[in-house]
Amino acid sequence: MGLLAGLVGLAVAFSVPLCPFALVTGQPCPGCGLTRATLALLRGDLAASLHFHPLAMVITPLVGGVVAYDVAVYLRSGKGAASQTLQGRWVTVGAIVLGALTFAVWVARFFGWFGGPVPV
């Protein structure tokens, strides 16, 4: 585990993209900027968050909610993978819609919308 953390640290220190899509193509992937946008959102910097990825204000609370749900179920029952119980048509439709929106934002950024593509 320490070796992996060290390699990631070196990659970050030397500005090597960690995204496999960016490594292969040299272009940002549909999710590029989400981590930076989430960190900016957690700092309260809404403008920076919107610049890095406009969907972070939707995706971050959703992922945070699923993680919180997983932790709560694990602490209550001692069983992992609680988010597998989050199933159903609304979850599937929501995931498809969110995926389509993420893809649409990615394409739109190549045409200069939402500030253009984020740096890799």
C-alpha atoms as a PDB file:
ATOM      1  CA  MET A   1       0.000   0.000   0.000  1.00  0.00           C
ATOM      2  CA  GLY A   2       2.848   2.377   0.864  1.00  0.00           C
ATOM      3  CA  LEU A   3       4.498   1.676  -2.496  1.00  0.00           C
ATOM      4  CA  LEU A   4       1.299   2.574  -4.338  1.00  0.00           C
ATOM      5  CA  ALA A   5       0.930   5.793  -2.330  1.00  0.00           C
ATOM      6  CA  GLY A   6       4.546   6.656  -3.131  1.00  0.00           C
ATOM      7  CA  LEU A   7       4.037   6.084  -6.853  1.00  0.00           C
ATOM      8  CA  VAL A   8       0.898   8.229  -6.871  1.00  0.00           C
ATOM      9  CA  GLY A   9       2.792  10.926  -4.959  1.00  0.00           C
ATOM     10  CA  LEU A  10       5.591  10.878  -7.543  1.00  0.00           C
ATOM     11  CA  ALA A  11       3.077  11.039 -10.405  1.00  0.00           C
ATOM     12  CA  VAL A  12       1.414  14.073  -8.822  1.00  0.00           C
ATOM     13  CA  ALA A  13       4.782  15.722  -8.080  1.00  0.00           C
ATOM     14  CA  PHE A  14       5.883  15.356 -11.712  1.00  0.00           C
ATOM     15  CA  SER A  15       2.441  16.285 -13.140  1.00  0.00           C
ATOM     16  CA  VAL A  16       1.888  12.872 -14.734  1.00  0.00           C
ATOM     17  CA  PRO A  17      -1.832  12.467 -15.509  1.00  0.00           C
ATOM     18  CA  LEU A  18      -3.399   9.738 -13.367  1.00  0.00           C
ATOM     19  CA  CYS A  19      -6.397   9.293 -15.655  1.00  0.00           C
ATOM     20  CA  PRO A  20      -5.904   6.322 -18.032  1.00  0.00           C
ATOM     21  CA  PHE A  21      -7.888   8.101 -20.765  1.00  0.00           C
ATOM     22  CA  ALA A  22      -5.670  11.189 -20.488  1.00  0.00           C
ATOM     23  CA  LEU A  23      -2.523   9.040 -20.444  1.00  0.00           C
ATOM     24  CA  VAL A  24      -3.508   7.330 -23.698  1.00  0.00           C
ATOM     25  CA  THR A  25      -5.105  10.231 -25.600  1.00  0.00           C
ATOM     26  CA  GLY A  26      -3.606  13.346 -24.030  1.00  0.00           C
ATOM     27  CA  GLN A  27      -7.167  14.703 -23.761  1.00  0.00           C
ATOM     28  CA  PRO A  28      -9.371  15.096 -20.683  1.00  0.00           C
ATOM     29  CA  CYS A  29     -11.935  12.363 -20.031  1.00  0.00           C
ATOM     30  CA  PRO A  30     -15.608  13.112 -19.284  1.00  0.00           C
ATOM     31  CA  GLY A  31     -14.859  13.075 -15.553  1.00  0.00           C
ATOM     32  CA  CYS A  32     -11.663  15.123 -15.703  1.00  0.00           C
ATOM     33  CA  GLY A  33     -11.866  18.005 -13.270  1.00  0.00           C
ATOM     34  CA  LEU A  34     -14.334  16.327 -10.895  1.00  0.00           C
ATOM     35  CA  THR A  35     -11.788  15.788  -8.126  1.00  0.00           C
ATOM     36  CA  ARG A  36     -10.512  19.355  -8.367  1.00  0.00           C
ATOM     37  CA  ALA A  37     -14.110  20.632  -8.562  1.00  0.00           C
ATOM     38  CA  THR A  38     -15.069  18.640  -5.461  1.00  0.00           C
ATOM     39  CA  LEU A  39     -12.078  19.957  -3.517  1.00  0.00           C
ATOM     40  CA  ALA A  40     -12.961  23.519  -4.559  1.00  0.00           C
ATOM     41  CA  LEU A  41     -16.569  22.910  -3.533  1.00  0.00           C
ATOM     42  CA  LEU A  42     -15.448  21.625  -0.129  1.00  0.00           C
ATOM     43  CA  ARG A  43     -13.342  24.796   0.285  1.00  0.00           C
ATOM     44  CA  GLY A  44     -16.430  26.861  -0.539  1.00  0.00           C
ATOM     45  CA  ASP A  45     -15.022  28.139  -3.855  1.00  0.00           C
ATOM     46  CA  LEU A  46     -18.101  27.771  -6.039  1.00  0.00           C
ATOM     47  CA  ALA A  47     -16.623  29.615  -9.040  1.00  0.00           C
ATOM     48  CA  ALA A  48     -13.570  27.351  -9.179  1.00  0.00           C
ATOM     49  CA  SER A  49     -15.758  24.279  -8.739  1.00  0.00           C
ATOM     50  CA  LEU A  50     -17.962  25.292 -11.671  1.00  0.00           C
ATOM     51  CA  HIS A  51     -14.855  25.975 -13.756  1.00  0.00           C
ATOM     52  CA  PHE A  52     -13.346  22.536 -13.126  1.00  0.00           C
ATOM     53  CA  HIS A  53     -16.600  20.614 -13.689  1.00  0.00           C
ATOM     54  CA  PRO A  54     -20.124  22.084 -13.707  1.00  0.00           C
ATOM     55  CA  LEU A  55     -21.733  18.823 -12.548  1.00  0.00           C
ATOM     56  CA  ALA A  56     -19.669  18.552  -9.353  1.00  0.00           C
ATOM     57  CA  MET A  57     -22.464  20.230  -7.380  1.00  0.00           C
ATOM     58  CA  VAL A  58     -24.720  17.299  -8.335  1.00  0.00           C
ATOM     59  CA  ILE A  59     -22.231  14.413  -8.380  1.00  0.00           C
ATOM     60  CA  THR A  60     -20.404  15.249  -5.123  1.00  0.00           C
ATOM     61  CA  PRO A  61     -23.492  15.136  -2.866  1.00  0.00           C
ATOM     62  CA  LEU A  62     -24.743  11.975  -4.575  1.00  0.00           C
ATOM     63  CA  VAL A  63     -21.458  10.129  -4.103  1.00  0.00           C
ATOM     64  CA  GLY A  64     -21.149  11.511  -0.580  1.00  0.00           C
ATOM     65  CA  GLY A  65     -24.662  10.289   0.200  1.00  0.00           C
ATOM     66  CA  VAL A  66     -23.922   6.785  -1.073  1.00  0.00           C
ATOM     67  CA  VAL A  67     -20.704   6.643   0.958  1.00  0.00           C
ATOM     68  CA  ALA A  68     -22.499   7.894   4.082  1.00  0.00           C
ATOM     69  CA  TYR A  69     -25.230   5.300   3.544  1.00  0.00           C
ATOM     70  CA  ASP A  70     -22.613   2.542   3.148  1.00  0.00           C
ATOM     71  CA  VAL A  71     -20.858   3.598   6.347  1.00  0.00           C
ATOM     72  CA  ALA A  72     -24.122   3.807   8.308  1.00  0.00           C
ATOM     73  CA  VAL A  73     -25.274   0.343   7.164  1.00  0.00           C
ATOM     74  CA  TYR A  74     -21.842  -1.142   7.856  1.00  0.00           C
ATOM     75  CA  LEU A  75     -21.726   0.323  11.355  1.00  0.00           C
ATOM     76  CA  ARG A  76     -25.258  -0.903  12.056  1.00  0.00           C
ATOM     77  CA  SER A  77     -25.014  -4.408  10.586  1.00  0.00           C
ATOM     78  CA  GLY A  78     -21.307  -5.127  10.139  1.00  0.00           C
ATOM     79  CA  LYS A  79     -21.891  -6.018   6.496  1.00  0.00           C
ATOM     80  CA  GLY A  80     -20.132  -4.251   3.635  1.00  0.00           C
ATOM     81  CA  ALA A  81     -21.316  -3.322   0.139  1.00  0.00           C
ATOM     82  CA  ALA A  82     -24.475  -1.674   1.477  1.00  0.00           C
ATOM     83  CA  SER A  83     -24.873   0.439  -1.664  1.00  0.00           C
ATOM     84  CA  GLN A  84     -25.820  -2.742  -3.523  1.00  0.00           C
ATOM     85  CA  THR A  85     -29.198  -2.323  -1.844  1.00  0.00           C
ATOM     86  CA  LEU A  86     -29.588   0.974  -3.695  1.00  0.00           C
ATOM     87  CA  GLN A  87     -31.196  -0.632  -6.713  1.00  0.00           C
ATOM     88  CA  GLY A  88     -34.262  -0.049  -8.767  1.00  0.00           C
ATOM     89  CA  ARG A  89     -35.522   1.738 -11.815  1.00  0.00           C
ATOM     90  CA  TRP A  90     -34.959   5.241 -10.392  1.00  0.00           C
ATOM     91  CA  VAL A  91     -31.315   4.462  -9.616  1.00  0.00           C
ATOM     92  CA  THR A  92     -30.741   3.060 -13.106  1.00  0.00           C
ATOM     93  CA  VAL A  93     -32.505   5.953 -14.832  1.00  0.00           C
ATOM     94  CA  GLY A  94     -30.668   8.463 -12.631  1.00  0.00           C
ATOM     95  CA  ALA A  95     -27.295   6.902 -13.444  1.00  0.00           C
ATOM     96  CA  ILE A  96     -28.054   6.922 -17.175  1.00  0.00           C
ATOM     97  CA  VAL A  97     -29.186  10.567 -17.082  1.00  0.00           C
ATOM     98  CA  LEU A  98     -26.137  11.615 -15.053  1.00  0.00           C
ATOM     99  CA  GLY A  99     -23.837   9.708 -17.418  1.00  0.00           C
ATOM    100  CA  ALA A 100     -25.459  11.347 -20.448  1.00  0.00           C
ATOM    101  CA  LEU A 101     -25.128  14.794 -18.855  1.00  0.00           C
ATOM    102  CA  THR A 102     -21.469  14.148 -18.044  1.00  0.00           C
ATOM    103  CA  PHE A 103     -20.835  13.094 -21.638  1.00  0.00           C
ATOM    104  CA  ALA A 104     -22.741  16.138 -22.966  1.00  0.00           C
ATOM    105  CA  VAL A 105     -20.680  18.513 -20.782  1.00  0.00           C
ATOM    106  CA  TRP A 106     -17.488  16.804 -21.981  1.00  0.00           C
ATOM    107  CA  VAL A 107     -18.426  17.283 -25.661  1.00  0.00           C
ATOM    108  CA  ALA A 108     -19.630  20.853 -25.076  1.00  0.00           C
ATOM    109  CA  ARG A 109     -16.305  21.771 -23.472  1.00  0.00           C
ATOM    110  CA  PHE A 110     -14.471  20.869 -26.671  1.00  0.00           C
ATOM    111  CA  PHE A 111     -16.598  23.548 -28.356  1.00  0.00           C
ATOM    112  CA  GLY A 112     -15.582  26.122 -25.754  1.00  0.00           C
ATOM    113  CA  TRP A 113     -18.612  25.895 -23.445  1.00  0.00           C
ATOM    114  CA  PHE A 114     -18.163  25.770 -19.671  1.00  0.00           C
ATOM    115  CA  GLY A 115     -14.688  27.303 -20.037  1.00  0.00           C
ATOM    116  CA  GLY A 116     -13.378  24.775 -22.552  1.00  0.00           C
ATOM    117  CA  PRO A 117     -11.557  21.535 -21.717  1.00  0.00           C
ATOM    118  CA  VAL A 118      -9.906  21.365 -18.306  1.00  0.00           C
ATOM    119  CA  PRO A 119      -6.146  20.924 -18.293  1.00  0.00           C
ATOM    120  CA  VAL A 120      -5.071  17.306 -17.940  1.00  0.00           C
END
